[in-house]
Amino acid sequence: MLDKKSFTIGILTLSAVILAVANILAPSRVTASYNSVRDDRNFEMQTATAVGGGDAIYITETRSGMMAVVTFDPVSKRLVLQDAQPVQNAFAKSLKH
């Protein structure tokens, strides 16, 4: 006969093995969540993953066609303007071909 202590240790060990196997065999999921917000007249904002990691916000002023890219600096805990240019500049090379 098993005593209560040995039975409990056996059950806990078995459940730990089952959870470890399930964790190894479970498929890893990577989800990306990109959001887009637009007002009725002037601005559009899109979120995306920045090239260097972290998040970026793309803000487009639709009337003038200017776009700004803003990222979050976790060290200084502030938003950093990366660049602001006309949207047309992004396509200037492809239009020349």
PDB file of N, CA and C in Angstrom:
ATOM      1  N   MET A   1       0.824  -1.194   0.000  1.00  0.00           N
ATOM      2  CA  MET A   1       0.000   0.000   0.000  1.00  0.00           C
ATOM      3  C   MET A   1       0.867   1.257   0.000  1.00  0.00           C
ATOM      4  N   LEU A   2       0.376   2.262  -0.700  1.00  0.00           N
ATOM      5  CA  LEU A   2       1.046   3.561  -0.719  1.00  0.00           C
ATOM      6  C   LEU A   2       0.494   4.425   0.403  1.00  0.00           C
ATOM      7  N   ASP A   3       1.379   5.141   1.025  1.00  0.00           N
ATOM      8  CA  ASP A   3       0.876   6.088   2.023  1.00  0.00           C
ATOM      9  C   ASP A   3       0.434   7.365   1.310  1.00  0.00           C
ATOM     10  N   LYS A   4      -0.210   8.251   2.017  1.00  0.00           N
ATOM     11  CA  LYS A   4      -0.789   9.469   1.450  1.00  0.00           C
ATOM     12  C   LYS A   4       0.288  10.379   0.859  1.00  0.00           C
ATOM     13  N   LYS A   5       1.442  10.470   1.522  1.00  0.00           N
ATOM     14  CA  LYS A   5       2.524  11.326   1.072  1.00  0.00           C
ATOM     15  C   LYS A   5       3.101  10.834  -0.265  1.00  0.00           C
ATOM     16  N   SER A   6       3.359   9.546  -0.395  1.00  0.00           N
ATOM     17  CA  SER A   6       3.903   8.983  -1.635  1.00  0.00           C
ATOM     18  C   SER A   6       2.909   9.111  -2.778  1.00  0.00           C
ATOM     19  N   PHE A   7       1.631   8.922  -2.505  1.00  0.00           N
ATOM     20  CA  PHE A   7       0.586   9.067  -3.523  1.00  0.00           C
ATOM     21  C   PHE A   7       0.536  10.502  -4.041  1.00  0.00           C
ATOM     22  N   THR A   8       0.600  11.479  -3.137  1.00  0.00           N
ATOM     23  CA  THR A   8       0.558  12.896  -3.518  1.00  0.00           C
ATOM     24  C   THR A   8       1.784  13.259  -4.353  1.00  0.00           C
ATOM     25  N   ILE A   9       2.957  12.808  -3.962  1.00  0.00           N
ATOM     26  CA  ILE A   9       4.178  13.083  -4.722  1.00  0.00           C
ATOM     27  C   ILE A   9       4.086  12.456  -6.111  1.00  0.00           C
ATOM     28  N   GLY A  10       3.550  11.252  -6.209  1.00  0.00           N
ATOM     29  CA  GLY A  10       3.378  10.586  -7.499  1.00  0.00           C
ATOM     30  C   GLY A  10       2.439  11.346  -8.419  1.00  0.00           C
ATOM     31  N   ILE A  11       1.306  11.809  -7.874  1.00  0.00           N
ATOM     32  CA  ILE A  11       0.331  12.575  -8.673  1.00  0.00           C
ATOM     33  C   ILE A  11       0.944  13.892  -9.138  1.00  0.00           C
ATOM     34  N   LEU A  12       1.652  14.595  -8.249  1.00  0.00           N
ATOM     35  CA  LEU A  12       2.278  15.866  -8.628  1.00  0.00           C
ATOM     36  C   LEU A  12       3.365  15.669  -9.682  1.00  0.00           C
ATOM     37  N   THR A  13       4.128  14.601  -9.572  1.00  0.00           N
ATOM     38  CA  THR A  13       5.163  14.306 -10.560  1.00  0.00           C
ATOM     39  C   THR A  13       4.538  13.987 -11.919  1.00  0.00           C
ATOM     40  N   LEU A  14       3.508  13.183 -11.915  1.00  0.00           N
ATOM     41  CA  LEU A  14       2.813  12.833 -13.158  1.00  0.00           C
ATOM     42  C   LEU A  14       2.222  14.069 -13.825  1.00  0.00           C
ATOM     43  N   SER A  15       1.583  14.946 -13.041  1.00  0.00           N
ATOM     44  CA  SER A  15       0.999  16.156 -13.629  1.00  0.00           C
ATOM     45  C   SER A  15       2.087  17.093 -14.149  1.00  0.00           C
ATOM     46  N   ALA A  16       3.251  17.145 -13.477  1.00  0.00           N
ATOM     47  CA  ALA A  16       4.356  17.977 -13.963  1.00  0.00           C
ATOM     48  C   ALA A  16       4.885  17.454 -15.292  1.00  0.00           C
ATOM     49  N   VAL A  17       4.985  16.143 -15.430  1.00  0.00           N
ATOM     50  CA  VAL A  17       5.458  15.547 -16.687  1.00  0.00           C
ATOM     51  C   VAL A  17       4.468  15.831 -17.811  1.00  0.00           C
ATOM     52  N   ILE A  18       3.177  15.690 -17.525  1.00  0.00           N
ATOM     53  CA  ILE A  18       2.154  15.954 -18.549  1.00  0.00           C
ATOM     54  C   ILE A  18       2.199  17.415 -18.989  1.00  0.00           C
ATOM     55  N   LEU A  19       2.323  18.347 -18.044  1.00  0.00           N
ATOM     56  CA  LEU A  19       2.386  19.769 -18.393  1.00  0.00           C
ATOM     57  C   LEU A  19       3.656  20.106 -19.174  1.00  0.00           C
ATOM     58  N   ALA A  20       4.782  19.482 -18.828  1.00  0.00           N
ATOM     59  CA  ALA A  20       6.026  19.728 -19.552  1.00  0.00           C
ATOM     60  C   ALA A  20       5.924  19.231 -20.995  1.00  0.00           C
ATOM     61  N   VAL A  21       5.364  18.051 -21.196  1.00  0.00           N
ATOM     62  CA  VAL A  21       5.191  17.509 -22.552  1.00  0.00           C
ATOM     63  C   VAL A  21       4.224  18.366 -23.356  1.00  0.00           C
ATOM     64  N   ALA A  22       3.141  18.796 -22.729  1.00  0.00           N
ATOM     65  CA  ALA A  22       2.169  19.650 -23.422  1.00  0.00           C
ATOM     66  C   ALA A  22       2.807  20.979 -23.819  1.00  0.00           C
ATOM     67  N   ASN A  23       3.656  21.517 -22.975  1.00  0.00           N
ATOM     68  CA  ASN A  23       4.322  22.784 -23.276  1.00  0.00           C
ATOM     69  C   ASN A  23       5.305  22.620 -24.438  1.00  0.00           C
ATOM     70  N   ILE A  24       5.989  21.514 -24.499  1.00  0.00           N
ATOM     71  CA  ILE A  24       6.947  21.269 -25.581  1.00  0.00           C
ATOM     72  C   ILE A  24       6.228  21.016 -26.910  1.00  0.00           C
ATOM     73  N   LEU A  25       5.130  20.275 -26.880  1.00  0.00           N
ATOM     74  CA  LEU A  25       4.426  19.909 -28.106  1.00  0.00           C
ATOM     75  C   LEU A  25       3.450  20.970 -28.604  1.00  0.00           C
ATOM     76  N   ALA A  26       3.109  21.939 -27.765  1.00  0.00           N
ATOM     77  CA  ALA A  26       2.140  22.964 -28.169  1.00  0.00           C
ATOM     78  C   ALA A  26       2.751  23.849 -29.254  1.00  0.00           C
ATOM     79  N   PRO A  27       1.993  24.164 -30.296  1.00  0.00           N
ATOM     80  CA  PRO A  27       2.522  25.035 -31.342  1.00  0.00           C
ATOM     81  C   PRO A  27       2.680  26.455 -30.803  1.00  0.00           C
ATOM     82  N   SER A  28       3.770  27.095 -31.215  1.00  0.00           N
ATOM     83  CA  SER A  28       3.963  28.478 -30.767  1.00  0.00           C
ATOM     84  C   SER A  28       3.154  29.391 -31.674  1.00  0.00           C
ATOM     85  N   ARG A  29       2.511  30.336 -31.058  1.00  0.00           N
ATOM     86  CA  ARG A  29       1.694  31.286 -31.816  1.00  0.00           C
ATOM     87  C   ARG A  29       2.298  32.662 -31.702  1.00  0.00           C
ATOM     88  N   VAL A  30       2.417  33.291 -32.829  1.00  0.00           N
ATOM     89  CA  VAL A  30       2.873  34.670 -32.863  1.00  0.00           C
ATOM     90  C   VAL A  30       1.749  35.469 -33.490  1.00  0.00           C
ATOM     91  N   THR A  31       1.272  36.418 -32.746  1.00  0.00           N
ATOM     92  CA  THR A  31       0.198  37.242 -33.276  1.00  0.00           C
ATOM     93  C   THR A  31       0.673  38.685 -33.366  1.00  0.00           C
ATOM     94  N   ALA A  32       0.331  39.305 -34.439  1.00  0.00           N
ATOM     95  CA  ALA A  32       0.639  40.719 -34.614  1.00  0.00           C
ATOM     96  C   ALA A  32      -0.670  41.486 -34.614  1.00  0.00           C
ATOM     97  N   SER A  33      -0.658  42.541 -33.894  1.00  0.00           N
ATOM     98  CA  SER A  33      -1.861  43.352 -33.821  1.00  0.00           C
ATOM     99  C   SER A  33      -1.528  44.739 -34.350  1.00  0.00           C
ATOM    100  N   TYR A  34      -1.999  45.026 -35.525  1.00  0.00           N
ATOM    101  CA  TYR A  34      -1.801  46.339 -36.113  1.00  0.00           C
ATOM    102  C   TYR A  34      -3.145  47.048 -36.145  1.00  0.00           C
ATOM    103  N   ASN A  35      -3.136  48.256 -35.676  1.00  0.00           N
ATOM    104  CA  ASN A  35      -4.376  49.019 -35.635  1.00  0.00           C
ATOM    105  C   ASN A  35      -4.268  50.230 -36.529  1.00  0.00           C
ATOM    106  N   SER A  36      -5.409  50.663 -37.020  1.00  0.00           N
ATOM    107  CA  SER A  36      -5.468  51.850 -37.848  1.00  0.00           C
ATOM    108  C   SER A  36      -6.639  52.704 -37.375  1.00  0.00           C
ATOM    109  N   VAL A  37      -6.360  53.987 -37.231  1.00  0.00           N
ATOM    110  CA  VAL A  37      -7.390  54.935 -36.793  1.00  0.00           C
ATOM    111  C   VAL A  37      -7.425  56.071 -37.793  1.00  0.00           C
ATOM    112  N   ARG A  38      -8.617  56.493 -38.153  1.00  0.00           N
ATOM    113  CA  ARG A  38      -8.761  57.587 -39.110  1.00  0.00           C
ATOM    114  C   ARG A  38      -9.874  58.508 -38.655  1.00  0.00           C
ATOM    115  N   ASP A  39      -9.611  59.812 -38.690  1.00  0.00           N
ATOM    116  CA  ASP A  39     -10.702  60.742 -38.418  1.00  0.00           C
ATOM    117  C   ASP A  39     -11.385  61.073 -39.738  1.00  0.00           C
ATOM    118  N   ASP A  40     -12.401  61.852 -39.704  1.00  0.00           N
ATOM    119  CA  ASP A  40     -13.195  62.116 -40.908  1.00  0.00           C
ATOM    120  C   ASP A  40     -12.521  63.057 -41.900  1.00  0.00           C
ATOM    121  N   ARG A  41     -11.501  63.783 -41.468  1.00  0.00           N
ATOM    122  CA  ARG A  41     -10.969  64.799 -42.356  1.00  0.00           C
ATOM    123  C   ARG A  41      -9.477  64.749 -42.598  1.00  0.00           C
ATOM    124  N   ASN A  42      -8.659  64.790 -41.521  1.00  0.00           N
ATOM    125  CA  ASN A  42      -7.258  65.138 -41.705  1.00  0.00           C
ATOM    126  C   ASN A  42      -6.221  64.063 -41.416  1.00  0.00           C
ATOM    127  N   PHE A  43      -6.441  63.200 -40.463  1.00  0.00           N
ATOM    128  CA  PHE A  43      -5.361  62.339 -39.995  1.00  0.00           C
ATOM    129  C   PHE A  43      -5.686  60.858 -40.062  1.00  0.00           C
ATOM    130  N   GLU A  44      -4.641  60.071 -40.336  1.00  0.00           N
ATOM    131  CA  GLU A  44      -4.699  58.622 -40.242  1.00  0.00           C
ATOM    132  C   GLU A  44      -3.505  58.195 -39.388  1.00  0.00           C
ATOM    133  N   MET A  45      -3.708  57.192 -38.511  1.00  0.00           N
ATOM    134  CA  MET A  45      -2.617  56.672 -37.697  1.00  0.00           C
ATOM    135  C   MET A  45      -2.627  55.159 -37.773  1.00  0.00           C
ATOM    136  N   GLN A  46      -1.453  54.584 -37.993  1.00  0.00           N
ATOM    137  CA  GLN A  46      -1.297  53.142 -38.051  1.00  0.00           C
ATOM    138  C   GLN A  46      -0.181  52.744 -37.096  1.00  0.00           C
ATOM    139  N   THR A  47      -0.374  51.622 -36.416  1.00  0.00           N
ATOM    140  CA  THR A  47       0.690  51.080 -35.578  1.00  0.00           C
ATOM    141  C   THR A  47       1.340  49.914 -36.312  1.00  0.00           C
ATOM    142  N   ALA A  48       2.618  49.717 -36.042  1.00  0.00           N
ATOM    143  CA  ALA A  48       3.358  48.610 -36.657  1.00  0.00           C
ATOM    144  C   ALA A  48       4.583  48.315 -35.808  1.00  0.00           C
ATOM    145  N   THR A  49       5.235  47.216 -36.130  1.00  0.00           N
ATOM    146  CA  THR A  49       6.474  46.873 -35.457  1.00  0.00           C
ATOM    147  C   THR A  49       7.618  47.625 -36.126  1.00  0.00           C
ATOM    148  N   ALA A  50       8.437  48.284 -35.330  1.00  0.00           N
ATOM    149  CA  ALA A  50       9.567  49.040 -35.872  1.00  0.00           C
ATOM    150  C   ALA A  50      10.659  48.079 -36.334  1.00  0.00           C
ATOM    151  N   VAL A  51      11.472  48.513 -37.258  1.00  0.00           N
ATOM    152  CA  VAL A  51      12.532  47.675 -37.813  1.00  0.00           C
ATOM    153  C   VAL A  51      13.498  47.229 -36.718  1.00  0.00           C
ATOM    154  N   GLY A  52      13.838  48.110 -35.797  1.00  0.00           N
ATOM    155  CA  GLY A  52      14.775  47.781 -34.734  1.00  0.00           C
ATOM    156  C   GLY A  52      14.117  47.144 -33.533  1.00  0.00           C
ATOM    157  N   GLY A  53      12.866  46.775 -33.639  1.00  0.00           N
ATOM    158  CA  GLY A  53      12.128  46.216 -32.516  1.00  0.00           C
ATOM    159  C   GLY A  53      11.286  47.287 -31.853  1.00  0.00           C
ATOM    160  N   GLY A  54      10.333  46.888 -31.083  1.00  0.00           N
ATOM    161  CA  GLY A  54       9.434  47.844 -30.452  1.00  0.00           C
ATOM    162  C   GLY A  54       8.291  48.210 -31.384  1.00  0.00           C
ATOM    163  N   ASP A  55       7.614  49.269 -31.036  1.00  0.00           N
ATOM    164  CA  ASP A  55       6.449  49.692 -31.800  1.00  0.00           C
ATOM    165  C   ASP A  55       6.685  51.052 -32.436  1.00  0.00           C
ATOM    166  N   ALA A  56       6.008  51.267 -33.559  1.00  0.00           N
ATOM    167  CA  ALA A  56       6.077  52.544 -34.255  1.00  0.00           C
ATOM    168  C   ALA A  56       4.662  52.992 -34.581  1.00  0.00           C
ATOM    169  N   ILE A  57       4.475  54.295 -34.632  1.00  0.00           N
ATOM    170  CA  ILE A  57       3.200  54.879 -35.037  1.00  0.00           C
ATOM    171  C   ILE A  57       3.464  55.708 -36.288  1.00  0.00           C
ATOM    172  N   TYR A  58       2.706  55.426 -37.335  1.00  0.00           N
ATOM    173  CA  TYR A  58       2.790  56.184 -38.573  1.00  0.00           C
ATOM    174  C   TYR A  58       1.601  57.137 -38.598  1.00  0.00           C
ATOM    175  N   ILE A  59       1.884  58.435 -38.626  1.00  0.00           N
ATOM    176  CA  ILE A  59       0.831  59.449 -38.612  1.00  0.00           C
ATOM    177  C   ILE A  59       0.854  60.161 -39.956  1.00  0.00           C
ATOM    178  N   THR A  60      -0.263  60.130 -40.666  1.00  0.00           N
ATOM    179  CA  THR A  60      -0.356  60.757 -41.979  1.00  0.00           C
ATOM    180  C   THR A  60      -1.373  61.878 -41.934  1.00  0.00           C
ATOM    181  N   GLU A  61      -0.952  63.049 -42.366  1.00  0.00           N
ATOM    182  CA  GLU A  61      -1.863  64.184 -42.501  1.00  0.00           C
ATOM    183  C   GLU A  61      -2.323  64.156 -43.948  1.00  0.00           C
ATOM    184  N   THR A  62      -3.596  63.791 -44.163  1.00  0.00           N
ATOM    185  CA  THR A  62      -4.070  63.475 -45.513  1.00  0.00           C
ATOM    186  C   THR A  62      -4.175  64.685 -46.429  1.00  0.00           C
ATOM    187  N   ARG A  63      -4.391  65.839 -45.909  1.00  0.00           N
ATOM    188  CA  ARG A  63      -4.530  67.011 -46.788  1.00  0.00           C
ATOM    189  C   ARG A  63      -3.217  67.409 -47.433  1.00  0.00           C
ATOM    190  N   SER A  64      -2.130  67.388 -46.646  1.00  0.00           N
ATOM    191  CA  SER A  64      -0.838  67.786 -47.212  1.00  0.00           C
ATOM    192  C   SER A  64      -0.031  66.595 -47.708  1.00  0.00           C
ATOM    193  N   GLY A  65      -0.372  65.372 -47.282  1.00  0.00           N
ATOM    194  CA  GLY A  65       0.357  64.191 -47.693  1.00  0.00           C
ATOM    195  C   GLY A  65       1.625  63.944 -46.897  1.00  0.00           C
ATOM    196  N   MET A  66       1.763  64.580 -45.762  1.00  0.00           N
ATOM    197  CA  MET A  66       2.947  64.386 -44.912  1.00  0.00           C
ATOM    198  C   MET A  66       2.738  63.183 -43.996  1.00  0.00           C
ATOM    199  N   MET A  67       3.822  62.424 -43.793  1.00  0.00           N
ATOM    200  CA  MET A  67       3.782  61.282 -42.895  1.00  0.00           C
ATOM    201  C   MET A  67       4.931  61.401 -41.899  1.00  0.00           C
ATOM    202  N   ALA A  68       4.632  61.116 -40.632  1.00  0.00           N
ATOM    203  CA  ALA A  68       5.646  61.113 -39.582  1.00  0.00           C
ATOM    204  C   ALA A  68       5.690  59.724 -38.959  1.00  0.00           C
ATOM    205  N   VAL A  69       6.900  59.299 -38.589  1.00  0.00           N
ATOM    206  CA  VAL A  69       7.085  58.022 -37.916  1.00  0.00           C
ATOM    207  C   VAL A  69       7.589  58.325 -36.509  1.00  0.00           C
ATOM    208  N   VAL A  70       6.860  57.811 -35.512  1.00  0.00           N
ATOM    209  CA  VAL A  70       7.192  58.046 -34.109  1.00  0.00           C
ATOM    210  C   VAL A  70       7.377  56.695 -33.434  1.00  0.00           C
ATOM    211  N   THR A  71       8.471  56.547 -32.664  1.00  0.00           N
ATOM    212  CA  THR A  71       8.707  55.323 -31.900  1.00  0.00           C
ATOM    213  C   THR A  71       8.791  55.659 -30.420  1.00  0.00           C
ATOM    214  N   PHE A  72       8.689  54.627 -29.584  1.00  0.00           N
ATOM    215  CA  PHE A  72       8.780  54.805 -28.143  1.00  0.00           C
ATOM    216  C   PHE A  72      10.159  54.367 -27.684  1.00  0.00           C
ATOM    217  N   ASP A  73      10.848  55.249 -26.942  1.00  0.00           N
ATOM    218  CA  ASP A  73      12.156  54.935 -26.378  1.00  0.00           C
ATOM    219  C   ASP A  73      11.954  54.475 -24.936  1.00  0.00           C
ATOM    220  N   PRO A  74      12.112  53.176 -24.655  1.00  0.00           N
ATOM    221  CA  PRO A  74      11.844  52.682 -23.300  1.00  0.00           C
ATOM    222  C   PRO A  74      12.845  53.174 -22.257  1.00  0.00           C
ATOM    223  N   VAL A  75      14.058  53.556 -22.680  1.00  0.00           N
ATOM    224  CA  VAL A  75      15.060  54.037 -21.727  1.00  0.00           C
ATOM    225  C   VAL A  75      14.657  55.398 -21.161  1.00  0.00           C
ATOM    226  N   SER A  76      14.340  56.329 -22.057  1.00  0.00           N
ATOM    227  CA  SER A  76      13.955  57.665 -21.605  1.00  0.00           C
ATOM    228  C   SER A  76      12.449  57.794 -21.377  1.00  0.00           C
ATOM    229  N   LYS A  77      11.706  56.743 -21.744  1.00  0.00           N
ATOM    230  CA  LYS A  77      10.248  56.709 -21.593  1.00  0.00           C
ATOM    231  C   LYS A  77       9.586  57.905 -22.273  1.00  0.00           C
ATOM    232  N   ARG A  78       9.953  58.097 -23.534  1.00  0.00           N
ATOM    233  CA  ARG A  78       9.340  59.181 -24.306  1.00  0.00           C
ATOM    234  C   ARG A  78       9.198  58.769 -25.763  1.00  0.00           C
ATOM    235  N   LEU A  79       8.350  59.499 -26.469  1.00  0.00           N
ATOM    236  CA  LEU A  79       8.177  59.285 -27.900  1.00  0.00           C
ATOM    237  C   LEU A  79       9.268  60.019 -28.661  1.00  0.00           C
ATOM    238  N   VAL A  80       9.784  59.367 -29.698  1.00  0.00           N
ATOM    239  CA  VAL A  80      10.869  59.950 -30.488  1.00  0.00           C
ATOM    240  C   VAL A  80      10.418  60.035 -31.944  1.00  0.00           C
ATOM    241  N   LEU A  81      10.481  61.235 -32.504  1.00  0.00           N
ATOM    242  CA  LEU A  81      10.169  61.421 -33.920  1.00  0.00           C
ATOM    243  C   LEU A  81      11.328  60.897 -34.735  1.00  0.00           C
ATOM    244  N   GLN A  82      11.085  59.885 -35.555  1.00  0.00           N
ATOM    245  CA  GLN A  82      12.140  59.297 -36.380  1.00  0.00           C
ATOM    246  C   GLN A  82      12.325  60.053 -37.686  1.00  0.00           C
ATOM    247  N   ASP A  83      11.206  60.417 -38.314  1.00  0.00           N
ATOM    248  CA  ASP A  83      11.286  61.125 -39.589  1.00  0.00           C
ATOM    249  C   ASP A  83       9.911  61.654 -39.951  1.00  0.00           C
ATOM    250  N   ALA A  84       9.891  62.701 -40.737  1.00  0.00           N
ATOM    251  CA  ALA A  84       8.645  63.252 -41.280  1.00  0.00           C
ATOM    252  C   ALA A  84       8.931  63.714 -42.703  1.00  0.00           C
ATOM    253  N   GLN A  85       8.204  63.136 -43.669  1.00  0.00           N
ATOM    254  CA  GLN A  85       8.398  63.461 -45.073  1.00  0.00           C
ATOM    255  C   GLN A  85       7.084  63.321 -45.805  1.00  0.00           C
ATOM    256  N   PRO A  86       7.010  63.888 -47.001  1.00  0.00           N
ATOM    257  CA  PRO A  86       5.834  63.643 -47.832  1.00  0.00           C
ATOM    258  C   PRO A  86       5.742  62.160 -48.198  1.00  0.00           C
ATOM    259  N   VAL A  87       4.543  61.633 -48.247  1.00  0.00           N
ATOM    260  CA  VAL A  87       4.338  60.227 -48.600  1.00  0.00           C
ATOM    261  C   VAL A  87       4.888  59.942 -49.999  1.00  0.00           C
ATOM    262  N   GLN A  88       4.848  60.914 -50.870  1.00  0.00           N
ATOM    263  CA  GLN A  88       5.350  60.746 -52.244  1.00  0.00           C
ATOM    264  C   GLN A  88       6.823  60.338 -52.269  1.00  0.00           C
ATOM    265  N   ASN A  89       7.595  60.749 -51.267  1.00  0.00           N
ATOM    266  CA  ASN A  89       9.023  60.403 -51.238  1.00  0.00           C
ATOM    267  C   ASN A  89       9.240  58.901 -51.102  1.00  0.00           C
ATOM    268  N   ALA A  90       8.320  58.201 -50.481  1.00  0.00           N
ATOM    269  CA  ALA A  90       8.459  56.755 -50.308  1.00  0.00           C
ATOM    270  C   ALA A  90       8.361  56.025 -51.645  1.00  0.00           C
ATOM    271  N   PHE A  91       7.699  56.645 -52.615  1.00  0.00           N
ATOM    272  CA  PHE A  91       7.482  56.008 -53.909  1.00  0.00           C
ATOM    273  C   PHE A  91       8.260  56.666 -55.029  1.00  0.00           C
ATOM    274  N   ALA A  92       9.095  57.605 -54.711  1.00  0.00           N
ATOM    275  CA  ALA A  92       9.820  58.361 -55.745  1.00  0.00           C
ATOM    276  C   ALA A  92      10.728  57.470 -56.580  1.00  0.00           C
ATOM    277  N   LYS A  93      11.419  56.511 -55.955  1.00  0.00           N
ATOM    278  CA  LYS A  93      12.319  55.628 -56.709  1.00  0.00           C
ATOM    279  C   LYS A  93      11.551  54.706 -57.631  1.00  0.00           C
ATOM    280  N   SER A  94      10.423  54.175 -57.170  1.00  0.00           N
ATOM    281  CA  SER A  94       9.669  53.239 -57.999  1.00  0.00           C
ATOM    282  C   SER A  94       8.967  53.945 -59.152  1.00  0.00           C
ATOM    283  N   LEU A  95       8.705  55.237 -59.030  1.00  0.00           N
ATOM    284  CA  LEU A  95       8.055  55.972 -60.115  1.00  0.00           C
ATOM    285  C   LEU A  95       9.027  56.342 -61.233  1.00  0.00           C
ATOM    286  N   LYS A  96      10.323  56.374 -60.937  1.00  0.00           N
ATOM    287  CA  LYS A  96      11.317  56.756 -61.952  1.00  0.00           C
ATOM    288  C   LYS A  96      11.622  55.629 -62.931  1.00  0.00           C
ATOM    289  N   HIS A  97      11.312  54.389 -62.576  1.00  0.00           N
ATOM    290  CA  HIS A  97      11.638  53.248 -63.450  1.00  0.00           C
ATOM    291  C   HIS A  97      10.742  53.166 -64.624  1.00  0.00           C
TER     292      HIS A  97
END
